Protein backbone atom coordinates (compact mmCIF):
# COMPACT_ATOMS: atom_id res chain seq x y z
CA UNK A 1 0.00 0.00 0.00
CA UNK A 2 1.18 3.53 -0.69
CA UNK A 3 2.14 5.87 2.15
CA UNK A 4 -0.94 8.06 1.69
CA UNK A 5 -3.24 5.03 1.96
CA UNK A 6 -1.39 3.90 5.09
CA UNK A 7 -1.79 7.32 6.71
CA UNK A 8 -5.51 7.37 5.85
CA UNK A 9 -6.04 3.86 7.21
CA UNK A 10 -4.33 4.77 10.50
CA UNK A 11 -6.62 7.81 10.75
CA UNK A 12 -9.74 5.73 10.04
CA UNK A 13 -8.86 3.02 12.57
CA UNK A 14 -6.86 4.81 15.26
CA UNK A 15 -8.35 8.28 15.10
CA UNK A 16 -4.81 9.68 15.05
CA UNK A 17 -3.22 11.72 12.24
CA UNK A 18 0.23 10.51 11.30
CA UNK A 19 2.57 11.72 8.59
CA UNK A 20 5.22 9.39 7.22
CA UNK A 21 8.24 11.38 6.14
CA UNK A 22 8.87 9.82 2.76
CA UNK A 23 7.67 10.29 -0.80
CA UNK A 24 3.91 9.66 -1.02
CA UNK A 25 4.51 7.02 -3.72
CA UNK A 26 6.63 4.87 -1.39
CA UNK A 27 5.20 1.42 -0.77
CA UNK A 28 4.79 0.26 2.83
CA UNK A 29 3.11 -2.74 4.43
CA UNK A 30 -0.61 -2.94 5.07
CA UNK A 31 -2.13 -1.66 8.31
CA UNK A 32 -4.00 -4.86 9.27
CA UNK A 33 -5.82 -3.67 12.38
CA UNK A 34 -9.60 -3.39 12.55
CA UNK A 35 -9.95 -1.95 16.04
CA UNK A 36 -8.34 1.13 17.54
CA UNK A 37 -5.54 0.75 20.04
CA UNK A 38 -6.50 1.26 23.67
CA UNK A 39 -6.98 4.93 24.52
CA UNK A 40 -4.50 4.64 27.39
CA UNK A 41 -1.61 3.73 25.08
CA UNK A 42 1.05 6.38 24.72
CA UNK A 43 2.14 7.54 21.27
CA UNK A 44 5.38 5.58 21.70
CA UNK A 45 3.37 2.38 22.29
CA UNK A 46 1.37 2.95 19.11
CA UNK A 47 4.66 3.50 17.28
CA UNK A 48 6.34 0.37 18.63
CA UNK A 49 3.38 -2.01 18.53
CA UNK A 50 1.67 -0.96 15.31
CA UNK A 51 3.20 1.76 13.13
CA UNK A 52 6.83 0.63 12.83
CA UNK A 53 5.77 -3.00 12.72
CA UNK A 54 3.91 -2.28 9.48
CA UNK A 55 5.74 0.67 7.91
CA UNK A 56 9.33 -0.27 8.62
CA UNK A 57 11.82 2.21 9.99
CA UNK A 58 10.31 5.18 8.14
CA UNK A 59 10.37 8.40 10.15
CA UNK A 60 6.88 9.59 11.11
CA UNK A 61 5.11 12.09 13.34
CA UNK A 62 1.71 12.47 14.97
CA UNK A 63 -0.11 15.73 14.30
CA UNK A 64 -2.67 16.71 16.94
CA UNK A 65 -5.77 18.82 16.34
CA UNK A 66 -3.98 22.17 16.70
CA UNK A 67 -1.33 21.15 14.15
CA UNK A 68 1.39 20.64 16.78
CA UNK A 69 3.47 17.49 17.28
CA UNK A 70 2.84 16.06 20.75
CA UNK A 71 5.49 14.43 22.94
CA UNK A 72 5.70 10.63 22.71
CA UNK A 73 4.41 10.22 26.28
CA UNK A 74 1.00 11.72 25.46
CA UNK A 75 -1.82 9.17 25.62
CA UNK A 76 -4.01 8.42 22.61
CA UNK A 77 -7.21 9.61 24.35
CA UNK A 78 -5.70 13.10 24.59
CA UNK A 79 -4.64 13.10 20.94
CA UNK A 80 -8.02 11.81 19.76
CA UNK A 81 -9.86 14.48 21.76
CA UNK A 82 -7.68 17.20 20.25
CA UNK A 83 -9.44 16.73 16.90
CA UNK A 84 -12.79 17.73 18.38
CA UNK A 85 -15.14 15.46 16.47
CA UNK A 86 -13.47 12.10 17.04
CA UNK A 87 -15.70 9.50 18.64
CA UNK A 88 -14.05 6.38 20.11
CA UNK A 89 -16.78 4.23 18.58
CA UNK A 90 -15.51 5.12 15.06
């Protein structure tokens, strides 16, 4: 799957905006998850357990609702709420 598709799939499943820092035509693995990670996971846990496992060692960042990049210790619930309209039942 292309990087853009991967980013969109993470958004649809996790409710978290990520940006992979490579050309948008780069091929990465699929994002095979159907359910969002637990809201108490930290960004670093999402990275280690899901993102890097499926995208390889590509550099990436999370972008929260205000456009800023949060620290890796921030929990997913906080990031998801920063977007305003995210509902954990998505």
